[in-house]
Every structure is written in C-alpha cells, then in structure tokens.
Protein backbone atom coordinates (compact mmCIF):
# COMPACT_ATOMS: atom_id res chain seq x y z
CA MET A 1 72.62 167.90 234.46
CA ALA A 2 73.31 170.43 231.72
CA PRO A 3 74.22 169.14 228.18
CA ARG A 4 77.89 169.24 227.38
CA ALA A 5 78.75 172.23 225.26
CA ALA A 6 79.85 171.17 221.70
CA PHE A 7 82.79 173.17 220.63
CA LEU A 8 84.68 171.46 217.81
CA ALA A 9 88.07 172.26 216.14
CA PRO A 10 87.54 173.68 212.52
CA ALA A 11 88.95 170.67 210.82
CA LEU A 12 86.74 168.49 212.95
CA ALA A 13 83.56 170.65 212.32
CA ASP A 14 84.28 170.78 208.49
CA THR A 15 84.47 166.89 208.43
CA LEU A 16 81.26 166.58 210.43
CA ALA A 17 79.53 168.98 208.00
CA ARG A 18 80.63 167.01 204.93
CA TYR A 19 79.56 163.81 206.47
CA LEU A 20 76.16 165.08 207.23
CA ALA A 21 75.70 166.47 203.69
CA ARG A 22 76.76 162.99 202.46
CA GLN A 23 74.21 161.50 204.62
CA LYS A 24 71.29 163.78 203.37
CA GLY A 25 72.49 163.77 199.72
CA LEU A 26 73.43 160.09 199.12
CA ALA A 27 71.75 158.27 201.89
CA GLY A 28 68.64 160.05 201.82
CA ALA A 29 68.43 160.81 205.49
CA SER A 30 65.52 163.03 206.70
CA ASP A 31 65.89 166.38 208.21
CA ASN A 32 64.95 164.76 211.52
CA THR A 33 67.47 161.95 211.16
CA ILE A 34 70.15 164.72 210.06
CA ALA A 35 69.14 166.81 213.31
CA ALA A 36 69.67 163.81 215.64
CA TYR A 37 73.00 162.98 214.05
CA THR A 38 74.18 166.40 214.48
CA THR A 39 73.10 166.51 218.07
CA ASP A 40 74.55 162.92 218.80
CA LEU A 41 77.94 163.47 217.10
CA ARG A 42 78.88 167.06 218.28
CA SER A 43 78.10 165.94 221.67
CA PHE A 44 80.41 162.81 221.40
CA LEU A 45 83.22 164.80 219.75
CA SER A 46 83.08 167.52 222.24
CA PHE A 47 83.29 165.00 225.19
CA MET A 48 86.27 163.48 223.67
CA ALA A 49 88.00 166.75 223.01
CA GLN A 50 87.58 167.47 226.64
CA HIS A 51 88.24 163.74 227.79
CA LEU A 52 91.33 163.44 225.59
CA GLY A 53 92.69 167.07 226.10
CA GLY A 54 91.79 168.16 222.55
CA MET A 55 91.00 166.81 219.12
CA ALA A 56 92.55 168.96 216.58
CA SER A 57 91.43 166.94 213.52
CA PRO A 58 89.60 164.04 212.46
CA ARG A 59 92.72 161.75 212.54
CA ALA A 60 92.53 162.19 216.48
CA LEU A 61 89.73 159.54 216.35
CA ALA A 62 92.57 156.84 215.90
CA ASP A 63 93.62 157.95 219.48
CA ILE A 64 90.44 156.81 221.12
CA THR A 65 90.59 153.56 223.06
CA GLN A 66 87.96 151.27 224.31
CA SER A 67 88.56 152.84 227.85
CA ASP A 68 87.66 156.23 226.38
CA MET A 69 84.51 154.79 224.70
CA ARG A 70 83.41 153.39 228.03
CA ALA A 71 83.92 156.80 229.65
CA TRP A 72 81.80 158.34 227.06
CA MET A 73 79.08 155.79 227.60
CA ALA A 74 79.30 156.14 231.49
CA ASP A 75 78.87 159.98 231.10
CA ALA A 76 76.02 159.54 228.79
CA ARG A 77 74.21 157.09 231.22
CA GLY A 78 74.94 159.36 234.06
CA ARG A 79 72.84 161.93 232.12
CA ASP A 80 69.80 159.58 232.24
CA LEU A 81 70.03 158.59 228.82
CA SER A 82 68.47 155.08 228.04
CA ALA A 83 70.25 152.18 226.77
CA ARG A 84 68.24 152.29 223.57
CA ALA A 85 69.20 156.05 223.14
CA LEU A 86 72.57 155.27 223.83
CA ALA A 87 72.78 152.38 221.27
CA ARG A 88 71.36 154.83 218.65
CA LYS A 89 74.06 157.25 219.36
CA LEU A 90 76.90 154.55 219.29
CA SER A 91 75.42 153.62 215.74
CA ALA A 92 75.86 157.43 214.71
CA VAL A 93 79.36 157.55 215.99
CA ARG A 94 80.32 154.38 214.15
CA GLY A 95 79.03 155.68 210.87
CA PHE A 96 81.06 158.89 211.24
CA ALA A 97 84.05 157.12 212.34
CA ARG A 98 83.86 154.91 209.15
CA PHE A 99 83.45 157.96 207.05
CA VAL A 100 86.71 159.45 208.65
CA ALA A 101 88.65 156.09 208.23
CA ASP A 102 87.68 155.85 204.52
CA GLU A 103 89.03 159.34 203.85
CA THR A 104 92.33 159.07 206.07
CA GLY A 105 93.03 155.43 206.40
CA ILE A 106 93.22 155.77 210.32
CA ASP A 107 92.50 152.74 212.45
CA ILE A 108 89.22 152.95 214.21
CA SER A 109 89.06 149.64 215.80
CA ALA A 110 88.57 150.60 219.18
CA ILE A 111 85.30 152.58 218.27
CA LEU A 112 83.96 149.79 216.06
CA ALA A 113 84.80 147.08 218.60
CA THR A 114 82.57 148.93 221.42
CA ARG A 115 79.44 147.19 222.25
CA ALA A 116 76.08 148.64 222.33
CA PRO A 117 74.20 148.38 225.83
CA LYS A 118 71.72 145.75 225.64
CA HIS A 119 68.20 146.77 225.76
CA ALA A 120 64.69 145.19 225.13
CA ARG A 121 63.12 146.01 221.85
CA GLY A 122 59.81 147.43 222.65
CA LEU A 123 56.77 146.21 220.85
CA PRO A 124 54.65 148.60 218.77
CA ARG A 125 51.48 149.64 220.65
CA PRO A 126 48.45 149.64 218.28
CA LEU A 127 44.99 150.70 218.95
CA SER A 128 42.32 148.10 218.72
CA PRO A 129 40.21 148.12 215.76
CA THR A 130 37.14 149.53 217.88
CA ASP A 131 39.44 152.38 219.14
CA ALA A 132 40.82 153.25 215.97
CA ARG A 133 37.37 153.69 214.32
CA GLU A 134 36.43 155.84 217.41
CA VAL A 135 39.44 157.92 216.85
CA LEU A 136 38.51 158.50 213.33
CA ASP A 137 34.90 159.46 214.38
CA THR A 138 36.04 161.96 217.21
CA VAL A 139 39.29 163.45 215.93
CA GLY A 140 37.21 165.98 213.77
CA LEU A 141 35.59 167.45 216.88
CA GLN A 142 38.74 168.86 218.46
CA THR A 143 38.82 172.04 216.46
CA ARG A 144 36.16 174.69 216.24
CA THR A 145 36.42 175.30 212.68
CA ASP A 146 34.40 172.71 210.43
CA TRP A 147 37.12 172.60 207.59
CA ALA A 148 39.94 172.22 209.98
CA GLY A 149 38.12 169.25 211.49
CA LEU A 150 37.65 167.75 208.23
CA ARG A 151 41.25 168.26 207.50
CA ASP A 152 42.36 166.33 210.60
CA VAL A 153 40.02 163.58 209.74
CA ALA A 154 41.79 163.37 206.34
CA VAL A 155 45.31 163.28 207.90
CA VAL A 156 44.30 160.72 210.68
CA THR A 157 42.64 158.53 207.92
CA LEU A 158 45.57 158.50 205.87
CA LEU A 159 47.80 157.42 208.80
CA TYR A 160 45.54 154.61 209.70
CA GLY A 161 44.04 153.54 206.17
CA CYS A 162 47.30 153.87 204.20
CA GLY A 163 49.93 153.39 206.97
CA LEU A 164 51.66 156.63 206.06
CA ARG A 165 53.98 158.33 208.41
CA VAL A 166 52.85 161.87 209.62
CA SER A 167 55.81 163.47 207.71
CA GLU A 168 54.61 161.67 204.49
CA ALA A 169 50.87 162.76 204.88
CA LEU A 170 52.03 166.32 205.57
CA SER A 171 54.46 166.19 202.66
CA LEU A 172 51.62 165.84 200.20
CA THR A 173 50.88 168.75 197.91
CA GLY A 174 48.09 169.99 195.61
CA ARG A 175 49.74 168.07 192.84
CA ASP A 176 48.64 164.95 194.75
CA ALA A 177 44.87 165.83 194.70
CA PRO A 178 42.59 164.32 193.97
CA LEU A 179 43.98 161.38 195.63
CA PRO A 180 44.65 158.52 193.05
CA GLU A 181 43.93 154.71 193.81
CA VAL A 182 47.58 154.24 194.45
CA LEU A 183 49.96 156.82 195.96
CA ARG A 184 53.81 156.95 195.04
CA MET A 185 55.54 157.80 198.29
CA ILE A 186 59.15 158.62 199.07
CA GLY A 187 59.95 157.49 202.60
CA LYS A 188 63.05 157.08 204.82
CA GLY A 189 66.24 156.68 203.18
CA GLY A 190 64.61 157.79 199.90
CA ARG A 191 63.01 154.51 199.44
CA GLU A 192 60.04 154.64 197.05
CA ARG A 193 56.92 152.56 197.48
CA LEU A 194 53.46 152.45 196.06
CA VAL A 195 50.57 152.70 198.50
CA PRO A 196 46.94 151.68 197.82
CA VAL A 197 44.53 154.62 198.87
CA LEU A 198 41.21 153.37 200.29
CA PRO A 199 38.08 154.98 198.94
CA VAL A 200 37.28 156.13 202.67
CA ALA A 201 40.66 157.96 202.50
CA ARG A 202 40.02 159.62 199.09
CA ARG A 203 36.58 160.82 200.29
CA ALA A 204 38.15 162.26 203.47
CA VAL A 205 40.48 164.22 201.56
CA ASP A 206 37.92 165.20 198.91
CA ASP A 207 35.50 166.69 201.81
CA TYR A 208 38.45 168.57 203.21
CA LEU A 209 39.34 170.19 200.00
CA CYS A 210 35.86 171.23 199.32
CA ALA A 211 35.65 172.94 202.57
CA CYS A 212 39.07 174.21 202.73
CA PRO A 213 38.97 178.26 202.37
CA HIS A 214 42.65 178.47 201.08
CA ALA A 215 43.40 177.95 197.37
CA GLN A 216 45.21 174.90 196.07
CA ALA A 217 47.96 174.96 193.84
CA PRO A 218 50.30 172.08 192.56
CA ASP A 219 53.36 173.15 194.54
CA LEU A 220 51.64 174.09 197.65
CA PRO A 221 50.84 171.79 200.57
CA LEU A 222 47.76 169.77 200.34
CA PHE A 223 47.20 170.08 204.19
CA ARG A 224 46.92 173.78 205.15
CA ALA A 225 47.19 175.39 208.55
CA MET A 226 44.49 177.93 209.79
CA ARG A 227 46.26 180.90 207.88
CA GLY A 228 47.19 178.82 204.96
CA GLY A 229 50.71 177.91 205.74
CA THR A 230 52.02 174.23 205.89
CA LEU A 231 50.23 172.09 208.67
CA ASP A 232 52.53 171.25 211.43
CA ARG A 233 53.12 167.88 212.65
CA ARG A 234 52.88 169.13 216.25
CA HIS A 235 49.23 169.92 215.60
CA VAL A 236 48.59 166.49 214.59
CA ALA A 237 49.98 165.27 217.70
CA ARG A 238 47.89 167.86 219.85
CA VAL A 239 44.65 166.87 218.11
CA MET A 240 45.60 163.12 218.70
CA GLU A 241 46.27 163.90 222.38
CA ALA A 242 43.03 165.66 222.74
CA THR A 243 41.30 162.86 221.09
CA ARG A 244 42.78 160.14 223.13
CA LEU A 245 41.94 162.02 226.36
CA GLN A 246 38.37 162.45 225.11
CA LEU A 247 38.11 158.72 224.47
CA GLY A 248 40.11 157.64 227.65
CA LEU A 249 42.96 155.80 225.44
CA PRO A 250 46.28 155.26 226.95
CA ALA A 251 49.32 157.65 226.25
CA SER A 252 50.61 155.11 223.59
CA ALA A 253 47.64 156.35 221.23
CA THR A 254 49.75 158.67 219.34
CA PRO A 255 49.80 159.52 215.63
CA HIS A 256 52.44 157.01 214.78
CA ALA A 257 50.54 154.39 216.79
CA LEU A 258 47.76 154.59 213.88
CA ARG A 259 50.56 153.33 211.25
CA HIS A 260 51.32 150.51 213.96
CA SER A 261 47.65 149.87 213.94
CA PHE A 262 47.27 149.62 210.13
CA ALA A 263 50.14 146.96 209.96
CA THR A 264 48.78 144.90 213.02
CA HIS A 265 45.20 144.98 211.78
CA LEU A 266 46.42 143.88 208.43
CA LEU A 267 48.37 141.04 209.66
CA ALA A 268 45.45 139.86 211.90
CA LYS A 269 43.19 139.65 208.85
CA GLY A 270 45.76 137.34 207.12
CA GLY A 271 47.92 140.00 205.33
CA ASP A 272 51.20 138.73 204.04
CA LEU A 273 54.27 139.99 206.00
CA ARG A 274 56.28 140.72 202.76
CA ALA A 275 53.28 142.77 201.41
CA ILE A 276 53.14 144.70 204.60
CA GLN A 277 56.75 145.44 204.61
CA GLU A 278 56.40 146.92 201.14
CA LEU A 279 53.29 148.84 202.16
CA LEU A 280 55.18 150.26 205.18
CA GLY A 281 58.45 151.12 203.24
CA HIS A 282 60.52 149.07 205.70
CA ALA A 283 64.10 148.44 204.31
CA SER A 284 64.41 145.14 206.39
CA LEU A 285 61.69 142.40 207.00
CA ARG A 286 62.98 142.66 210.64
CA SER A 287 61.32 145.87 211.21
CA THR A 288 58.00 144.29 210.04
CA GLN A 289 58.35 141.09 212.10
CA VAL A 290 57.70 142.93 215.20
CA TYR A 291 54.07 142.95 214.21
CA THR A 292 54.13 139.11 214.54
CA ALA A 293 55.08 139.50 218.07
CA VAL A 294 52.12 141.80 218.76
CA ASP A 295 49.83 139.55 217.06
CA SER A 296 50.99 136.33 219.05
CA SER A 297 50.80 138.54 222.24
CA ARG A 298 47.13 139.44 221.74
CA LEU A 299 46.63 135.67 220.87
CA MET A 300 47.87 134.61 224.15
CA ASP A 301 45.65 137.27 225.97
CA VAL A 302 42.54 135.95 224.23
CA TYR A 303 43.77 132.44 224.79
CA ASN A 304 44.44 133.16 228.68
CA ALA A 305 40.87 134.84 228.89
CA ALA A 306 38.80 132.21 226.91
CA HIS A 307 40.47 128.84 227.68
CA PRO A 308 38.66 127.29 230.49
CA ARG A 309 41.71 126.03 232.29
CA ALA A 310 43.57 129.19 231.71
CA ALA A 311 40.96 131.42 232.87
CA LYS A 312 39.68 129.30 235.95
CA PRO A 313 42.51 127.42 237.60
CA THR A 314 41.24 124.22 239.12
CA LYS A 315 41.34 123.97 242.89
CA ALA A 316 43.82 121.71 244.37
CA ARG A 317 42.23 118.58 245.89
CA PRO A 318 42.69 118.10 249.64
CA CYS A 319 45.11 115.13 250.47
CA CYS A 320 43.39 111.93 251.71
C-alpha cells in the first residue's frame, strides 16, 4: 500500500518546523532522529487532516478523540507497521502534541491517553568473543585497496573495542588523531561521555593513517572514502555484510552488533552495570540492563548444555 501523502496547512507545517528545530537545538536530537520525527509526524497529521475533514491549525489537535487515534493506529497496522514501530510513532506524536499544548493551552488528553500497542522488547544479539575476533581479522579483506582495508579494520575495532556507534566513529576528525587514551564523545541527546581507547584501537587507527593517501587536517574527517570524502555508514554496513557472509555469521551480525558485543562481553567479564552505562552513553540504566538478560540467557544455554540432568533427561522407569 502506498504511503499517505503528507500535505499540511501552512500554520501546521510552520509549527511542526519549529518543533523539529527545537528538538534539534535544545534536545540535541540527531539528524536521523529528526528525519524519523519528520516522517512520522507529517504522516500522522496528514492522516488526521483527511480523517477529520481538514486541520487548518495546530489547535485542531484538540478535536482529536481516542476513536480518531484508534483509527490512525488501525490504518498504520494495516500498512504492515510493527507494534514496536507504531509505539515509536505514538511517542513522537505525544511529544509534538505536548509542544502544541504548551504554546496554545489546548486539551490533548485524548492523544496522551492513547495506549501504545504491547510489544516484546527484543534482546540485543551480540557476537560471541570468537566471532568478534574473526570479524576483526577478516573485515580488512573485503576491499581491494590495502589502505581502505586498514581503514575498515580501524572503524570496526573502534565499534567493538570502544563501544562506539557507527555515527560516532565516523564523526571523528583529524583533530582527534593520534587517538588519545581517552576519547571525549558527544552521543545521542548531546550527552557527553569519556571513552577509554584500547592500545589495539589506537594502533589500528595509526596503521590506517600511515597508509591513507589523503592528507589529514583538523577539520577534515578522520575516516576517508576512496576519493577523499567522508566515509559513508552504508559502506561500513556493506563491509560488515560481506564479512559475515564470508564467516557464515547470522544476519544479526551488523556494525551495531559490535557495540552490543562490547557491552555484553564486558558484563560477562564482571563489568559494573553503571560503568557500562557510562561507557555506552545511555541516558537510563534500563537501556543498559537489557545486557543482563542477554548474559542470563547465555548462562542458561550453557547450563542446559552442560548439566547432566538437563542435557540427558532420565528415562522413565517401567511400572511394576
């Protein structure tokens, strides 16, 4: 089914633009987050305009009933939208509605009272320590140019060795080289954190810089594309895909899975949950606690495989 066209009244479009600017400027939302908000909110407002027979201004949000909200959610689910994705969209709608209510004083209780669909929170799917090492050993073989292979190794080493997001690794500039023992990173929501850099990660970046044919400068990106531009995150995804296919790893072995692996392996080695939260830059400990579930799940797998009674159920004795 084709997506709904998003034509908004000028006053509504202007309010949406101001809200997005506020989210970017004050809340520190990333470009990807702003793009998602834009798509989600324009789609919602366009649906409501058609469903209600028009929305001339932001005040029209007060006319939305819970029945209207259920109609929107049913329409979204009819477009094969997952419960998790719909919950994310509803969160964006609530945020925008609160912004409008603060400006105009309208009643948005129907929007705020709408319950998000229940969805199971998926657990991160990290690589095993052995698979992670094999990825580091293999990722450099996916490009024909030696310096580009060293670059890809350096990026992946930062993801696994420091727990960086792909966007964070690619945001490094010549000013960050040579890498210090501790990196100061600005993550989601503008949150700042200090990330220790392992010697192996510093060596990987040094090896890449020594071989890179493009001149480095403080304001230029550290990781360069073949022609000298900024390395695209899609390239990192493609290289990781080629690596996992070569190694026979599951589709869950993505660049972001290396960040999950960093956290899971630290926890398995006795890492403190609060410390891991700081290293990952999570705003809430709840986001970090999912790794305890992963660790417990693996512990049960080991238990079921190793425990004599769990591994080999006893045969029932015949009745006398």
